[in-house]
Amino acid sequence: MSHFRKWCIEKNLTLNIHGMYCSCIANERDNLTLLEGVVSSKNILQYEQYLNRIKAEFSLVRVLYYESKFTDSSKCDFESCYSELNDQEIINIRSEKLRTCFRLCFSILDKLAIFLCHYFSLSIDKNTAFNNFWYKNKAILESKINFGLIAINSLIYDLNEKDGQFGFYKVWRNSLEHHILFLVPDSFDLSNDSTHTYVKISEFENSLQNLLQFTRSAIFSTVFAIVEDLRQKPPHDFENTMEITIHKKDFNETY
């Protein structure tokens, strides 16, 4: 396997069920799918398409995070020519990749909420997001006996801004998107206000790795929730069902 793939396995960033407990060659690719071992009359292909989109965006996050650690951006930084203000902000391509990864993780989480809402026929509006879709559909979701949904609800609680273990991630994300967040050296004396947030670089990096793993858990839990629901609702008319085989894309092809 490539150095990148070995690193993904070591950091628990693969989308491979076998890879959740073993790092052998079976963990070579992200073969997570909705279709394995499931018989259903529902249009699963639509949801497999959603999963493809989620996997593509998560793959991008991993690559950016990997590049932030192992790619030299000094030439690009020199050419960008930032002003020296003696403000100690860490500003370079590497830190921008870290910031982008953080934002993309939340984008994936919000798409997972829409994914679940579509599958379970839940209400959706322009403000539907990972942190609020459960509360808007609480009665329907809590009436289901589904271990995947229980896991999703637990993750939502972890991101609660008031009481969640990782509630400050949401605060950082809002600062990245709507205000100004500065990454600074660990020796910097933090001084935050309503529009400016300062975060020490080591704290941000450690939190980002955890957020990537958190996002991975949310992807797995979403897939498990849908697969469990499909298994609970087998089609009544097996004569009209058919086996669907999904092949993996061959990236040696030219499109």
Protein backbone atom coordinates (compact mmCIF):
# COMPACT_ATOMS: atom_id res chain seq x y z
CA MET A 1 0.00 0.00 0.00
CA SER A 2 1.02 3.61 -0.51
CA HIS A 3 2.42 5.73 2.31
CA PHE A 4 -0.84 7.71 2.20
CA ARG A 5 -2.99 4.61 2.67
CA LYS A 6 -0.83 3.30 5.50
CA TRP A 7 -1.13 6.69 7.16
CA CYS A 8 -4.95 6.63 6.74
CA ILE A 9 -5.07 3.22 8.42
CA GLU A 10 -2.79 4.32 11.25
CA LYS A 11 -4.91 7.44 11.90
CA ASN A 12 -8.24 5.52 11.70
CA LEU A 13 -9.42 7.45 8.66
CA THR A 14 -10.50 4.68 6.29
CA LEU A 15 -14.07 3.95 5.19
CA ASN A 16 -13.73 0.19 5.37
CA ILE A 17 -15.66 -1.89 7.90
CA HIS A 18 -12.85 -4.45 8.19
CA GLY A 19 -10.52 -1.54 8.88
CA MET A 20 -12.47 -0.65 12.01
CA TYR A 21 -10.72 -3.49 13.83
CA CYS A 22 -7.87 -4.69 11.58
CA SER A 23 -5.15 -3.06 9.46
CA CYS A 24 -4.49 -5.96 7.08
CA ILE A 25 -4.55 -5.87 3.26
CA ALA A 26 -8.37 -6.14 3.31
CA ASN A 27 -8.31 -2.48 4.37
CA GLU A 28 -6.70 -1.44 1.08
CA ARG A 29 -9.73 0.48 -0.27
CA ASP A 30 -12.74 2.38 1.09
CA ASN A 31 -15.29 -0.26 0.16
CA LEU A 32 -18.07 0.94 2.48
CA THR A 33 -21.40 0.42 0.70
CA LEU A 34 -25.13 0.28 1.41
CA LEU A 35 -25.81 -2.67 -0.85
CA GLU A 36 -23.87 -5.57 0.59
CA GLY A 37 -26.17 -8.25 2.02
CA VAL A 38 -29.35 -6.17 1.59
CA VAL A 39 -32.48 -7.10 -0.36
CA SER A 40 -34.98 -4.30 -0.84
CA SER A 41 -37.55 -2.94 -3.27
CA LYS A 42 -36.52 0.65 -2.44
CA ASN A 43 -34.40 2.68 -4.83
CA ILE A 44 -31.12 1.99 -3.03
CA LEU A 45 -29.06 3.20 -5.98
CA GLN A 46 -30.08 6.78 -5.20
CA TYR A 47 -28.71 6.43 -1.68
CA GLU A 48 -25.57 4.73 -2.93
CA GLN A 49 -25.08 7.81 -5.10
CA TYR A 50 -25.38 9.98 -1.98
CA LEU A 51 -22.78 7.80 -0.28
CA ASN A 52 -20.42 8.20 -3.25
CA ARG A 53 -20.66 11.98 -2.83
CA ILE A 54 -19.90 11.73 0.91
CA LYS A 55 -16.93 9.42 0.29
CA ALA A 56 -15.53 11.78 -2.35
CA GLU A 57 -15.64 14.76 0.00
CA PHE A 58 -14.17 12.80 2.90
CA SER A 59 -11.38 11.60 0.58
CA LEU A 60 -10.58 15.22 -0.25
CA VAL A 61 -10.40 16.12 3.44
CA ARG A 62 -7.97 13.26 4.09
CA VAL A 63 -5.73 14.30 1.20
CA LEU A 64 -5.64 17.93 2.33
CA TYR A 65 -4.86 16.89 5.89
CA TYR A 66 -2.13 14.53 4.67
CA GLU A 67 -0.62 17.24 2.46
CA SER A 68 -0.62 19.68 5.37
CA LYS A 69 1.70 17.28 7.18
CA PHE A 70 3.95 15.99 4.41
CA THR A 71 4.01 18.59 1.61
CA ASP A 72 6.39 21.56 1.57
CA SER A 73 4.48 24.75 0.69
CA SER A 74 7.30 27.22 1.36
CA LYS A 75 7.64 28.27 -2.30
CA CYS A 76 3.92 28.99 -2.59
CA ASP A 77 4.02 30.89 0.70
CA PHE A 78 6.90 33.05 -0.55
CA GLU A 79 5.03 33.82 -3.75
CA SER A 80 1.87 34.76 -1.85
CA CYS A 81 3.82 37.58 -0.16
CA TYR A 82 1.90 38.25 3.07
CA SER A 83 2.51 41.46 5.01
CA GLU A 84 4.69 41.18 8.12
CA LEU A 85 2.57 42.63 10.94
CA ASN A 86 4.29 41.02 13.94
CA ASP A 87 0.88 39.71 14.98
CA GLN A 88 2.15 36.10 15.23
CA GLU A 89 -0.63 34.70 13.06
CA ILE A 90 0.41 31.43 11.43
CA ILE A 91 -0.50 32.11 7.83
CA ASN A 92 0.63 29.77 5.06
CA ILE A 93 -0.76 27.17 2.67
CA ARG A 94 -0.36 24.46 5.28
CA SER A 95 -2.54 26.26 7.82
CA GLU A 96 -5.10 27.07 5.11
CA LYS A 97 -5.38 23.37 4.34
CA LEU A 98 -6.03 22.69 8.03
CA ARG A 99 -8.72 25.37 8.15
CA THR A 100 -10.32 24.03 4.96
CA CYS A 101 -10.38 20.50 6.37
CA PHE A 102 -12.20 21.76 9.44
CA ARG A 103 -14.89 23.48 7.38
CA LEU A 104 -15.30 20.50 5.04
CA CYS A 105 -15.87 18.10 7.93
CA PHE A 106 -18.88 20.13 9.03
CA SER A 107 -20.10 20.30 5.44
CA ILE A 108 -20.00 16.49 5.32
CA LEU A 109 -21.87 16.23 8.63
CA ASP A 110 -24.63 18.52 7.33
CA LYS A 111 -24.91 16.43 4.14
CA LEU A 112 -25.27 13.30 6.28
CA ALA A 113 -28.25 14.96 7.98
CA ILE A 114 -29.86 15.61 4.58
CA PHE A 115 -29.01 12.03 3.55
CA LEU A 116 -30.85 10.64 6.59
CA CYS A 117 -33.78 13.02 6.15
CA HIS A 118 -34.26 11.88 2.55
CA TYR A 119 -34.06 8.21 3.44
CA PHE A 120 -36.40 8.35 6.46
CA SER A 121 -38.78 10.89 4.81
CA LEU A 122 -38.12 13.53 7.48
CA SER A 123 -38.84 17.23 7.26
CA ILE A 124 -36.14 19.35 5.57
CA ASP A 125 -35.83 23.12 5.36
CA LYS A 126 -33.09 25.55 4.32
CA ASN A 127 -31.60 25.48 7.84
CA THR A 128 -31.49 21.69 8.24
CA ALA A 129 -28.08 20.65 9.57
CA PHE A 130 -26.43 17.85 11.53
CA ASN A 131 -26.90 19.62 14.85
CA ASN A 132 -30.65 20.23 14.48
CA PHE A 133 -32.28 17.65 12.17
CA TRP A 134 -32.86 15.22 15.04
CA TYR A 135 -34.79 17.70 17.18
CA LYS A 136 -37.01 18.67 14.27
CA ASN A 137 -37.90 14.99 13.72
CA LYS A 138 -37.47 13.68 17.25
CA ALA A 139 -40.75 11.73 17.53
CA ILE A 140 -40.18 9.79 14.31
CA LEU A 141 -36.51 9.01 14.96
CA GLU A 142 -36.91 8.00 18.60
CA SER A 143 -39.75 5.63 17.70
CA LYS A 144 -37.30 3.48 15.72
CA ILE A 145 -35.20 0.66 17.19
CA ASN A 146 -32.02 1.24 15.25
CA PHE A 147 -28.50 1.12 16.71
CA GLY A 148 -27.14 3.34 13.92
CA LEU A 149 -29.56 6.12 14.79
CA ILE A 150 -28.64 5.84 18.47
CA ALA A 151 -25.00 6.38 17.50
CA ILE A 152 -25.93 9.41 15.38
CA ASN A 153 -27.86 10.95 18.27
CA SER A 154 -24.88 10.42 20.57
CA LEU A 155 -22.61 12.24 18.10
CA ILE A 156 -25.07 15.13 17.91
CA TYR A 157 -24.96 15.48 21.70
CA ASP A 158 -21.16 15.54 21.58
CA LEU A 159 -21.32 18.59 19.28
CA ASN A 160 -23.83 20.50 21.41
CA GLU A 161 -22.39 23.98 21.96
CA LYS A 162 -23.54 24.21 25.58
CA ASP A 163 -23.01 20.74 27.03
CA GLY A 164 -21.24 18.65 24.37
CA GLN A 165 -17.71 17.37 24.79
CA PHE A 166 -16.79 18.86 21.41
CA GLY A 167 -19.18 21.81 21.42
CA PHE A 168 -16.29 24.23 20.88
CA TYR A 169 -15.77 22.69 17.42
CA LYS A 170 -19.05 24.31 16.36
CA VAL A 171 -17.87 27.64 17.79
CA TRP A 172 -14.65 27.40 15.78
CA ARG A 173 -16.55 26.42 12.65
CA ASN A 174 -18.82 29.46 12.98
CA SER A 175 -15.76 31.68 13.44
CA LEU A 176 -14.13 30.18 10.34
CA GLU A 177 -17.27 30.68 8.26
CA HIS A 178 -18.73 33.93 9.57
CA HIS A 179 -16.12 35.80 11.60
CA ILE A 180 -12.31 35.65 11.79
CA LEU A 181 -10.28 32.82 13.32
CA PHE A 182 -6.52 33.18 13.72
CA LEU A 183 -4.14 30.26 14.22
CA VAL A 184 -1.27 31.31 16.48
CA PRO A 185 1.82 29.76 18.12
CA ASP A 186 1.34 27.83 21.36
CA SER A 187 3.17 30.60 23.25
CA PHE A 188 0.63 33.23 22.17
CA ASP A 189 -1.55 34.84 24.86
CA LEU A 190 -5.11 34.26 23.67
CA SER A 191 -7.45 37.26 23.57
CA ASN A 192 -10.83 36.48 21.99
CA ASP A 193 -13.84 38.74 21.43
CA SER A 194 -17.19 38.49 19.65
CA THR A 195 -15.71 38.64 16.14
CA HIS A 196 -12.09 37.46 16.56
CA THR A 197 -11.07 33.99 17.75
CA TYR A 198 -7.48 32.91 18.42
CA VAL A 199 -6.63 29.19 18.56
CA LYS A 200 -3.23 27.69 19.34
CA ILE A 201 -1.93 25.68 16.39
CA SER A 202 -1.27 22.44 18.31
CA GLU A 203 -4.78 22.52 19.81
CA PHE A 204 -6.31 23.10 16.39
CA GLU A 205 -4.34 20.28 14.75
CA ASN A 206 -5.17 17.78 17.50
CA SER A 207 -8.83 18.76 17.39
CA LEU A 208 -8.89 18.50 13.60
CA GLN A 209 -7.62 14.92 13.65
CA ASN A 210 -10.33 14.07 16.18
CA LEU A 211 -12.95 15.85 14.04
CA LEU A 212 -11.91 13.76 11.01
CA GLN A 213 -12.34 10.59 13.07
CA PHE A 214 -15.64 11.95 14.41
CA THR A 215 -16.83 12.58 10.83
CA ARG A 216 -15.76 9.08 9.85
CA SER A 217 -17.84 7.68 12.73
CA ALA A 218 -20.84 9.70 11.54
CA ILE A 219 -20.46 8.28 8.02
CA PHE A 220 -20.32 4.72 9.33
CA SER A 221 -23.29 5.32 11.64
CA THR A 222 -25.37 6.78 8.81
CA VAL A 223 -24.69 3.77 6.60
CA PHE A 224 -25.39 1.35 9.46
CA ALA A 225 -28.67 3.15 10.27
CA ILE A 226 -29.91 2.84 6.69
CA VAL A 227 -28.76 -0.76 6.26
CA GLU A 228 -30.41 -1.74 9.56
CA ASP A 229 -33.68 -0.13 8.45
CA LEU A 230 -33.52 -1.94 5.11
CA ARG A 231 -32.99 -5.26 6.90
CA GLN A 232 -35.96 -4.58 9.15
CA LYS A 233 -38.18 -4.02 6.09
CA PRO A 234 -37.57 -6.85 3.62
CA PRO A 235 -39.76 -6.73 0.49
CA HIS A 236 -42.97 -8.77 0.65
CA ASP A 237 -42.93 -9.67 -3.03
CA PHE A 238 -39.60 -11.44 -3.56
CA GLU A 239 -40.65 -12.49 -7.06
CA ASN A 240 -40.34 -8.89 -8.23
CA THR A 241 -36.99 -8.20 -6.58
CA MET A 242 -33.69 -8.53 -8.33
CA GLU A 243 -30.08 -8.72 -7.30
CA ILE A 244 -28.09 -5.53 -7.90
CA THR A 245 -24.33 -5.71 -8.35
CA ILE A 246 -22.33 -2.51 -8.04
CA HIS A 247 -18.85 -2.55 -9.55
CA LYS A 248 -16.03 -0.29 -8.37
CA LYS A 249 -14.87 2.51 -10.66
CA ASP A 250 -11.77 1.78 -12.71
CA PHE A 251 -9.67 4.92 -12.49
CA ASN A 252 -7.41 3.72 -15.28
CA GLU A 253 -10.22 4.71 -17.65
CA THR A 254 -10.18 8.05 -19.46
CA TYR A 255 -13.36 10.09 -19.06
